[in-house]
Amino acid sequence: MKGIITKVFPDKGFAFLRDTDGITRFIHASWTNGKFDTLQPGVQVDFIPTEGERGEQAKDVVVFIGGAV
């Protein structure tokens, strides 16, 4: 699934994205295959949608080449 990064909290190790269905999803730094430092608002990503105890999540997050939309 595709989405756009909306908020990044580098000091806390997590971020949020909005997917193509308009759902906001949580991203933990460990779910970005070591690329958390490349996330910033407006960057387009591909991910696997999942649901955790606290809501919608995005795992196996990969930044698109070129990044911004």
N, C-alpha and C. Protein backbone atom coordinates (compact mmCIF):
# COMPACT_ATOMS: atom_id res chain seq x y z
N MET A 1 0.85 -1.17 0.00
CA MET A 1 0.00 0.00 0.00
C MET A 1 0.89 1.24 0.00
N LYS A 2 0.36 2.34 -0.49
CA LYS A 2 1.13 3.58 -0.55
C LYS A 2 0.60 4.60 0.47
N GLY A 3 1.48 5.52 0.86
CA GLY A 3 1.08 6.56 1.78
C GLY A 3 2.07 7.72 1.76
N ILE A 4 1.74 8.77 2.50
CA ILE A 4 2.56 9.97 2.60
C ILE A 4 2.87 10.22 4.08
N ILE A 5 4.14 10.44 4.39
CA ILE A 5 4.53 10.74 5.76
C ILE A 5 3.93 12.09 6.14
N THR A 6 3.29 12.14 7.33
CA THR A 6 2.66 13.39 7.78
C THR A 6 3.40 14.03 8.95
N LYS A 7 3.90 13.20 9.88
CA LYS A 7 4.63 13.73 11.05
C LYS A 7 5.75 12.76 11.40
N VAL A 8 6.89 13.33 11.84
CA VAL A 8 8.02 12.51 12.26
C VAL A 8 8.52 13.03 13.60
N PHE A 9 8.77 12.11 14.51
CA PHE A 9 9.29 12.44 15.84
C PHE A 9 10.61 11.68 16.02
N PRO A 10 11.71 12.21 15.44
CA PRO A 10 12.99 11.49 15.46
C PRO A 10 13.52 11.21 16.87
N ASP A 11 13.28 12.12 17.79
CA ASP A 11 13.77 11.92 19.15
C ASP A 11 13.02 10.81 19.89
N LYS A 12 11.81 10.51 19.43
CA LYS A 12 11.01 9.46 20.05
C LYS A 12 11.00 8.16 19.24
N GLY A 13 11.49 8.22 17.99
CA GLY A 13 11.60 7.02 17.17
C GLY A 13 10.30 6.53 16.55
N PHE A 14 9.42 7.48 16.25
CA PHE A 14 8.21 7.07 15.54
C PHE A 14 7.72 8.18 14.62
N ALA A 15 6.79 7.80 13.74
CA ALA A 15 6.24 8.74 12.76
C ALA A 15 4.81 8.31 12.44
N PHE A 16 4.14 9.14 11.64
CA PHE A 16 2.80 8.83 11.17
C PHE A 16 2.72 9.05 9.67
N LEU A 17 1.84 8.30 9.03
CA LEU A 17 1.58 8.49 7.60
C LEU A 17 0.08 8.47 7.38
N ARG A 18 -0.32 8.98 6.21
CA ARG A 18 -1.72 8.89 5.78
C ARG A 18 -1.70 8.02 4.53
N ASP A 19 -2.49 6.93 4.56
CA ASP A 19 -2.49 6.03 3.41
C ASP A 19 -3.47 6.52 2.34
N THR A 20 -3.53 5.79 1.24
CA THR A 20 -4.36 6.20 0.10
C THR A 20 -5.86 6.16 0.42
N ASP A 21 -6.24 5.49 1.51
CA ASP A 21 -7.64 5.47 1.94
C ASP A 21 -7.94 6.57 2.96
N GLY A 22 -6.93 7.40 3.28
CA GLY A 22 -7.11 8.49 4.22
C GLY A 22 -6.93 8.10 5.68
N ILE A 23 -6.45 6.88 5.93
CA ILE A 23 -6.25 6.39 7.29
C ILE A 23 -4.87 6.80 7.79
N THR A 24 -4.80 7.35 9.00
CA THR A 24 -3.53 7.69 9.63
C THR A 24 -2.98 6.45 10.31
N ARG A 25 -1.70 6.16 10.04
CA ARG A 25 -1.06 4.96 10.58
C ARG A 25 0.21 5.31 11.32
N PHE A 26 0.48 4.56 12.38
CA PHE A 26 1.67 4.70 13.21
C PHE A 26 2.82 3.92 12.59
N ILE A 27 4.04 4.49 12.65
CA ILE A 27 5.25 3.82 12.18
C ILE A 27 6.28 3.87 13.30
N HIS A 28 6.81 2.71 13.68
CA HIS A 28 7.92 2.67 14.64
C HIS A 28 9.22 2.64 13.84
N ALA A 29 10.27 3.26 14.36
CA ALA A 29 11.56 3.32 13.66
C ALA A 29 12.07 1.95 13.24
N SER A 30 11.82 0.93 14.03
CA SER A 30 12.32 -0.41 13.72
C SER A 30 11.59 -1.06 12.54
N TRP A 31 10.50 -0.46 12.07
CA TRP A 31 9.74 -1.01 10.95
C TRP A 31 10.14 -0.38 9.62
N THR A 32 11.25 0.36 9.60
CA THR A 32 11.66 1.08 8.38
C THR A 32 12.93 0.51 7.76
N ASN A 33 13.31 -0.69 8.15
CA ASN A 33 14.51 -1.34 7.59
C ASN A 33 15.75 -0.47 7.67
N GLY A 34 15.91 0.22 8.79
CA GLY A 34 17.09 1.05 9.01
C GLY A 34 17.07 2.39 8.30
N LYS A 35 15.94 2.78 7.74
CA LYS A 35 15.85 4.02 6.95
C LYS A 35 15.01 5.09 7.63
N PHE A 36 14.83 5.00 8.94
CA PHE A 36 13.98 5.97 9.65
C PHE A 36 14.45 7.40 9.42
N ASP A 37 15.77 7.60 9.34
CA ASP A 37 16.31 8.96 9.18
C ASP A 37 15.96 9.58 7.83
N THR A 38 15.44 8.80 6.88
CA THR A 38 15.05 9.35 5.58
C THR A 38 13.60 9.83 5.56
N LEU A 39 12.84 9.54 6.63
CA LEU A 39 11.44 9.94 6.68
C LEU A 39 11.31 11.41 7.05
N GLN A 40 10.48 12.11 6.30
CA GLN A 40 10.13 13.49 6.60
C GLN A 40 8.78 13.78 5.98
N PRO A 41 8.05 14.75 6.50
CA PRO A 41 6.72 15.04 5.97
C PRO A 41 6.74 15.27 4.46
N GLY A 42 5.76 14.67 3.77
CA GLY A 42 5.65 14.80 2.32
C GLY A 42 6.30 13.69 1.54
N VAL A 43 7.10 12.85 2.20
CA VAL A 43 7.77 11.74 1.51
C VAL A 43 6.77 10.61 1.27
N GLN A 44 6.80 10.08 0.06
CA GLN A 44 5.90 8.98 -0.30
C GLN A 44 6.57 7.65 0.04
N VAL A 45 5.79 6.74 0.63
CA VAL A 45 6.31 5.44 1.04
C VAL A 45 5.39 4.31 0.61
N ASP A 46 5.94 3.11 0.62
CA ASP A 46 5.18 1.89 0.41
C ASP A 46 5.28 1.12 1.73
N PHE A 47 4.25 0.38 2.11
CA PHE A 47 4.25 -0.31 3.40
C PHE A 47 3.22 -1.43 3.41
N ILE A 48 3.30 -2.23 4.47
CA ILE A 48 2.31 -3.28 4.70
C ILE A 48 1.39 -2.80 5.83
N PRO A 49 0.09 -2.66 5.56
CA PRO A 49 -0.83 -2.21 6.59
C PRO A 49 -1.10 -3.32 7.60
N THR A 50 -1.08 -2.95 8.89
CA THR A 50 -1.41 -3.89 9.96
C THR A 50 -2.24 -3.16 11.00
N GLU A 51 -2.78 -3.92 11.93
CA GLU A 51 -3.51 -3.31 13.03
C GLU A 51 -2.95 -3.85 14.34
N GLY A 52 -2.61 -2.92 15.24
CA GLY A 52 -2.08 -3.29 16.54
C GLY A 52 -3.11 -3.04 17.62
N GLU A 53 -2.71 -3.25 18.86
CA GLU A 53 -3.62 -3.04 19.98
C GLU A 53 -4.10 -1.60 20.07
N ARG A 54 -3.26 -0.66 19.60
CA ARG A 54 -3.61 0.77 19.71
C ARG A 54 -4.12 1.36 18.40
N GLY A 55 -4.28 0.56 17.38
CA GLY A 55 -4.83 1.08 16.13
C GLY A 55 -4.03 0.69 14.90
N GLU A 56 -4.22 1.46 13.85
CA GLU A 56 -3.63 1.18 12.55
C GLU A 56 -2.12 1.42 12.56
N GLN A 57 -1.38 0.52 11.91
CA GLN A 57 0.08 0.61 11.84
C GLN A 57 0.55 0.39 10.42
N ALA A 58 1.79 0.80 10.17
CA ALA A 58 2.44 0.57 8.88
C ALA A 58 3.78 -0.12 9.15
N LYS A 59 3.97 -1.31 8.59
CA LYS A 59 5.22 -2.05 8.80
C LYS A 59 5.92 -2.25 7.46
N ASP A 60 7.21 -2.61 7.53
CA ASP A 60 8.05 -2.78 6.33
C ASP A 60 7.96 -1.54 5.43
N VAL A 61 8.14 -0.37 6.04
CA VAL A 61 8.03 0.91 5.34
C VAL A 61 9.26 1.13 4.46
N VAL A 62 9.02 1.44 3.18
CA VAL A 62 10.09 1.70 2.21
C VAL A 62 9.82 3.05 1.55
N VAL A 63 10.84 3.91 1.55
CA VAL A 63 10.72 5.22 0.90
C VAL A 63 10.85 5.06 -0.61
N PHE A 64 9.97 5.73 -1.37
CA PHE A 64 10.06 5.71 -2.82
C PHE A 64 11.30 6.45 -3.26
N ILE A 65 11.90 6.01 -4.33
CA ILE A 65 13.04 6.71 -4.91
C ILE A 65 12.56 8.10 -5.31
N GLY A 66 13.27 9.13 -4.92
CA GLY A 66 12.85 10.48 -5.20
C GLY A 66 12.04 11.06 -4.05
N GLY A 67 11.35 10.20 -3.33
CA GLY A 67 10.71 10.56 -2.08
C GLY A 67 9.50 11.46 -2.11
N ALA A 68 9.67 12.74 -2.37
CA ALA A 68 8.57 13.70 -2.22
C ALA A 68 7.59 13.59 -3.38
N VAL A 69 6.34 13.92 -3.08
CA VAL A 69 5.31 13.91 -4.10
C VAL A 69 5.06 15.30 -4.61
